N, C-alpha and C. Protein backbone atom coordinates (compact mmCIF):
# COMPACT_ATOMS: atom_id res chain seq x y z
N MET A 1 59.03 -92.77 161.84
CA MET A 1 58.98 -91.91 162.30
C MET A 1 58.88 -91.35 160.89
N ASN A 2 58.75 -89.92 160.91
CA ASN A 2 57.75 -89.03 159.24
C ASN A 2 59.05 -88.14 158.86
N THR A 3 59.79 -87.81 159.69
CA THR A 3 60.88 -86.31 159.27
C THR A 3 61.45 -86.63 157.46
N LYS A 4 61.48 -85.50 157.09
CA LYS A 4 61.67 -86.14 155.81
C LYS A 4 62.74 -84.61 155.45
N MET A 5 63.76 -84.79 154.48
CA MET A 5 63.69 -83.09 154.72
C MET A 5 65.09 -83.08 153.22
N ARG A 6 64.45 -81.42 152.64
CA ARG A 6 65.76 -81.55 151.45
C ARG A 6 66.31 -80.61 151.37
N ALA A 7 67.79 -80.91 151.20
CA ALA A 7 69.04 -80.04 151.25
C ALA A 7 68.93 -79.66 149.26
N LYS A 8 69.54 -78.62 149.45
CA LYS A 8 70.34 -78.40 147.73
C LYS A 8 71.12 -78.11 148.36
N VAL A 9 72.12 -78.57 147.07
CA VAL A 9 73.82 -78.85 147.10
C VAL A 9 74.22 -78.61 146.14
N ARG A 10 75.55 -78.08 146.18
CA ARG A 10 75.93 -77.53 144.79
C ARG A 10 77.48 -78.74 145.07
N VAL A 11 78.14 -79.75 143.76
CA VAL A 11 79.58 -80.45 143.49
C VAL A 11 80.88 -79.27 143.68
N GLY A 12 81.43 -79.52 144.64
CA GLY A 12 82.54 -78.40 145.13
C GLY A 12 83.63 -79.35 144.30
N SER A 13 83.56 -80.61 144.18
CA SER A 13 84.84 -80.89 143.44
C SER A 13 84.21 -83.05 142.85
N SER A 14 85.11 -82.81 141.83
CA SER A 14 85.03 -84.77 141.51
C SER A 14 86.35 -84.74 140.89
N VAL A 15 86.60 -86.17 141.94
CA VAL A 15 87.60 -86.61 141.78
C VAL A 15 88.31 -87.66 141.27
N PRO A 16 88.13 -87.88 140.47
CA PRO A 16 88.62 -89.77 140.31
C PRO A 16 90.48 -90.25 140.22
N TYR A 17 89.88 -91.96 140.96
CA TYR A 17 91.52 -92.15 141.63
C TYR A 17 91.54 -93.58 140.09
N ARG A 18 92.36 -93.12 140.17
CA ARG A 18 92.86 -94.12 139.05
C ARG A 18 93.40 -95.26 139.34
N ASN A 19 93.49 -96.85 138.58
CA ASN A 19 94.38 -97.26 138.39
C ASN A 19 96.10 -97.04 138.11
N PRO A 20 96.94 -96.71 139.43
CA PRO A 20 98.27 -96.02 138.54
C PRO A 20 98.61 -97.25 137.66
N GLU A 21 98.57 -98.67 137.59
CA GLU A 21 99.16 -99.50 136.34
C GLU A 21 98.22 -98.94 135.00
N THR A 22 97.18 -99.42 134.52
CA THR A 22 96.45 -98.85 133.19
C THR A 22 95.45 -97.37 133.61
N GLY A 23 95.82 -97.10 134.14
CA GLY A 23 95.10 -95.56 134.44
C GLY A 23 93.75 -95.95 134.37
N GLU A 24 92.70 -96.73 134.58
CA GLU A 24 91.67 -97.00 134.08
C GLU A 24 90.70 -96.50 135.23
N THR A 25 89.67 -95.49 135.57
CA THR A 25 89.16 -95.36 136.51
C THR A 25 88.83 -96.32 137.91
N ILE A 26 88.59 -96.21 139.13
CA ILE A 26 88.23 -97.06 139.87
C ILE A 26 86.78 -96.71 140.14
N ASN A 27 87.03 -95.72 140.88
CA ASN A 27 86.22 -94.83 141.71
C ASN A 27 86.51 -93.10 141.54
N GLU A 28 84.62 -92.14 141.98
CA GLU A 28 85.54 -90.98 141.93
C GLU A 28 85.04 -90.43 143.26
N THR A 29 85.57 -89.50 143.90
CA THR A 29 85.33 -88.88 145.18
C THR A 29 84.36 -88.20 144.73
N LEU A 30 83.48 -87.77 145.60
CA LEU A 30 82.60 -86.57 145.32
C LEU A 30 82.44 -85.56 146.52
N ARG A 31 82.37 -84.22 146.18
CA ARG A 31 82.16 -83.54 147.29
C ARG A 31 81.48 -82.93 147.02
N PHE A 32 80.67 -82.83 148.09
CA PHE A 32 79.36 -81.59 147.86
C PHE A 32 79.11 -80.79 149.41
N HIS A 33 78.62 -79.18 148.77
CA HIS A 33 78.74 -77.92 149.67
C HIS A 33 77.03 -77.43 149.62
N GLY A 34 76.88 -76.91 150.51
CA GLY A 34 75.80 -76.17 150.45
C GLY A 34 75.78 -75.24 149.71
N VAL A 35 74.17 -74.89 148.68
CA VAL A 35 74.07 -73.78 148.17
C VAL A 35 74.24 -72.51 148.77
N SER A 36 75.18 -71.72 148.23
CA SER A 36 74.83 -69.86 148.46
C SER A 36 75.22 -69.28 147.18
N LYS A 37 75.65 -68.09 147.47
CA LYS A 37 75.13 -67.07 146.19
C LYS A 37 77.21 -66.01 146.91
N SER A 38 77.47 -65.96 145.82
CA SER A 38 79.20 -65.34 146.09
C SER A 38 78.46 -63.55 145.81
N ASP A 39 77.39 -63.08 145.23
CA ASP A 39 77.00 -62.15 144.44
C ASP A 39 75.89 -61.00 145.87
N GLY A 40 75.45 -61.69 146.89
CA GLY A 40 74.78 -61.08 147.67
C GLY A 40 73.01 -61.75 147.64
N TYR A 41 71.82 -61.66 148.24
CA TYR A 41 70.74 -61.79 148.05
C TYR A 41 69.88 -60.82 147.58
N SER A 42 68.85 -61.52 146.82
CA SER A 42 67.58 -59.86 147.14
C SER A 42 67.08 -59.73 147.98
N ALA A 43 66.93 -58.74 148.82
CA ALA A 43 66.46 -57.94 149.94
C ALA A 43 65.45 -58.45 150.46
N ASP A 44 64.14 -59.14 149.68
CA ASP A 44 63.49 -60.15 149.93
C ASP A 44 63.05 -61.17 149.58
N GLY A 45 64.48 -61.74 150.42
CA GLY A 45 64.84 -63.10 150.57
C GLY A 45 64.02 -64.29 149.61
N SER A 46 63.60 -64.02 148.31
CA SER A 46 63.24 -64.43 147.24
C SER A 46 63.59 -66.01 146.31
N ASP A 47 65.38 -65.48 146.34
CA ASP A 47 65.86 -66.64 146.10
C ASP A 47 65.82 -67.59 146.58
N GLU A 48 65.63 -68.57 145.77
CA GLU A 48 65.86 -70.45 146.88
C GLU A 48 66.59 -70.42 147.31
N ASN A 49 67.84 -69.90 146.84
CA ASN A 49 69.53 -70.77 147.31
C ASN A 49 69.25 -69.56 148.95
N ASN A 50 69.03 -68.41 148.69
CA ASN A 50 68.67 -68.12 150.19
C ASN A 50 68.06 -68.38 151.44
N THR A 51 66.66 -70.00 150.94
CA THR A 51 66.83 -70.41 151.78
C THR A 51 66.54 -70.86 151.77
N PHE A 52 67.52 -71.81 151.46
CA PHE A 52 68.24 -73.62 151.68
C PHE A 52 69.25 -73.18 152.29
N SER A 53 70.31 -71.57 152.38
CA SER A 53 71.16 -71.56 153.46
C SER A 53 70.63 -70.95 154.55
N LYS A 54 70.01 -70.54 154.28
CA LYS A 54 69.13 -69.78 156.27
C LYS A 54 68.82 -71.63 156.56
N PHE A 55 68.09 -71.68 156.35
CA PHE A 55 67.86 -73.14 156.73
C PHE A 55 69.56 -74.07 157.47
N SER A 56 70.01 -74.07 156.08
CA SER A 56 70.74 -75.59 156.34
C SER A 56 72.03 -74.44 156.06
N PRO A 57 72.96 -74.04 156.57
CA PRO A 57 73.52 -72.29 156.63
C PRO A 57 75.16 -73.27 156.25
N ALA A 58 75.45 -74.68 156.98
CA ALA A 58 76.76 -75.24 157.04
C ALA A 58 76.36 -76.78 155.96
N VAL A 59 76.87 -77.15 154.61
CA VAL A 59 76.48 -78.76 154.58
C VAL A 59 77.83 -79.07 153.68
N ASP A 60 78.01 -80.26 154.16
CA ASP A 60 79.45 -80.84 153.46
C ASP A 60 79.24 -82.26 153.50
N PHE A 61 79.49 -83.29 152.58
CA PHE A 61 79.42 -84.61 152.44
C PHE A 61 80.17 -84.99 151.46
N CYS A 62 80.22 -86.62 151.13
CA CYS A 62 81.44 -86.10 150.43
C CYS A 62 80.75 -87.89 150.23
N ILE A 63 80.44 -88.97 148.57
CA ILE A 63 80.50 -89.38 148.45
C ILE A 63 81.10 -90.53 147.56
N VAL A 64 81.35 -91.78 147.60
CA VAL A 64 82.93 -92.14 146.76
C VAL A 64 82.23 -93.01 145.61
N VAL A 65 82.28 -92.83 144.74
CA VAL A 65 81.13 -93.23 143.57
C VAL A 65 82.06 -94.85 143.05
N ALA A 66 81.41 -96.10 143.27
CA ALA A 66 82.33 -96.46 142.06
C ALA A 66 81.33 -97.52 141.12
N ASN A 67 80.57 -96.78 140.24
CA ASN A 67 79.51 -96.99 139.43
C ASN A 67 80.65 -96.77 138.59
N PRO A 68 80.92 -97.59 136.92
CA PRO A 68 81.21 -96.56 136.16
C PRO A 68 80.75 -96.36 135.49
N GLU A 69 79.39 -96.46 135.53
CA GLU A 69 78.67 -95.65 134.93
C GLU A 69 78.14 -93.80 135.51
N LEU A 70 78.61 -93.24 136.27
CA LEU A 70 78.49 -92.28 136.82
C LEU A 70 79.87 -91.66 136.86
N PHE A 71 80.66 -92.47 136.53
CA PHE A 71 82.10 -91.29 136.20
C PHE A 71 81.84 -90.22 135.77
N GLY A 72 81.84 -89.37 135.69
CA GLY A 72 82.21 -88.11 134.94
C GLY A 72 80.79 -87.54 134.59
N LYS A 73 80.15 -87.76 135.76
CA LYS A 73 78.92 -87.20 135.23
C LYS A 73 78.64 -85.94 136.84
N PHE A 74 78.78 -85.87 136.95
CA PHE A 74 79.12 -84.91 137.86
C PHE A 74 80.43 -84.13 138.10
N GLN A 75 79.28 -82.35 137.76
CA GLN A 75 81.21 -81.60 137.52
C GLN A 75 81.28 -80.37 138.55
N ALA A 76 82.29 -80.24 139.31
CA ALA A 76 82.09 -79.09 140.16
C ALA A 76 80.70 -78.18 139.25
N GLY A 77 80.18 -77.87 140.40
CA GLY A 77 79.55 -76.26 140.06
C GLY A 77 77.73 -77.18 139.57
N ASP A 78 78.29 -78.22 139.55
CA ASP A 78 76.66 -78.89 139.42
C ASP A 78 75.44 -78.94 140.30
N THR A 79 74.32 -78.22 140.71
CA THR A 79 73.49 -78.41 141.34
C THR A 79 72.74 -79.46 141.57
N PHE A 80 71.99 -80.00 142.86
CA PHE A 80 71.51 -81.33 143.12
C PHE A 80 70.08 -80.70 144.53
N TYR A 81 69.22 -81.32 144.41
CA TYR A 81 68.38 -81.96 145.46
C TYR A 81 69.08 -82.87 146.29
N VAL A 82 68.47 -83.36 147.80
CA VAL A 82 68.93 -84.00 147.73
C VAL A 82 67.76 -84.71 149.18
N ASP A 83 67.20 -85.96 149.17
CA ASP A 83 65.96 -86.45 149.64
C ASP A 83 66.39 -87.06 150.81
N PHE A 84 65.84 -86.57 152.17
CA PHE A 84 66.02 -87.32 152.97
C PHE A 84 64.82 -88.16 153.49
N THR A 85 64.44 -89.11 152.90
CA THR A 85 63.85 -89.85 154.20
C THR A 85 64.04 -91.41 154.90
N PRO A 86 63.88 -91.18 155.86
CA PRO A 86 63.60 -92.44 156.58
C PRO A 86 63.56 -94.41 155.78
N ALA A 87 64.61 -94.25 156.32
CA ALA A 87 65.53 -95.91 155.53
C ALA A 87 64.48 -97.22 156.70
N GLU A 88 63.76 -97.93 155.87
CA GLU A 88 63.11 -99.32 157.24
C GLU A 88 64.36 -99.61 157.32
């Protein structure tokens, strides 16, 4: 299978889970949403977010990150490309 897909997503929230006794971050829950524009799109459709939202109008996924090197690296509003390629 050679199917591939690229999505453009925005971080909706980044919520740390902390050890209640030590306050140390144990993991972080990252929620991603599809891109869109709140102020409308250009009439010619040239805006990249317009293209992504047209073909993937609803995107919503969540990742729990337990790697301390990644804590605090994803902020609400950050935008990323996510590539889906088949795993062997």
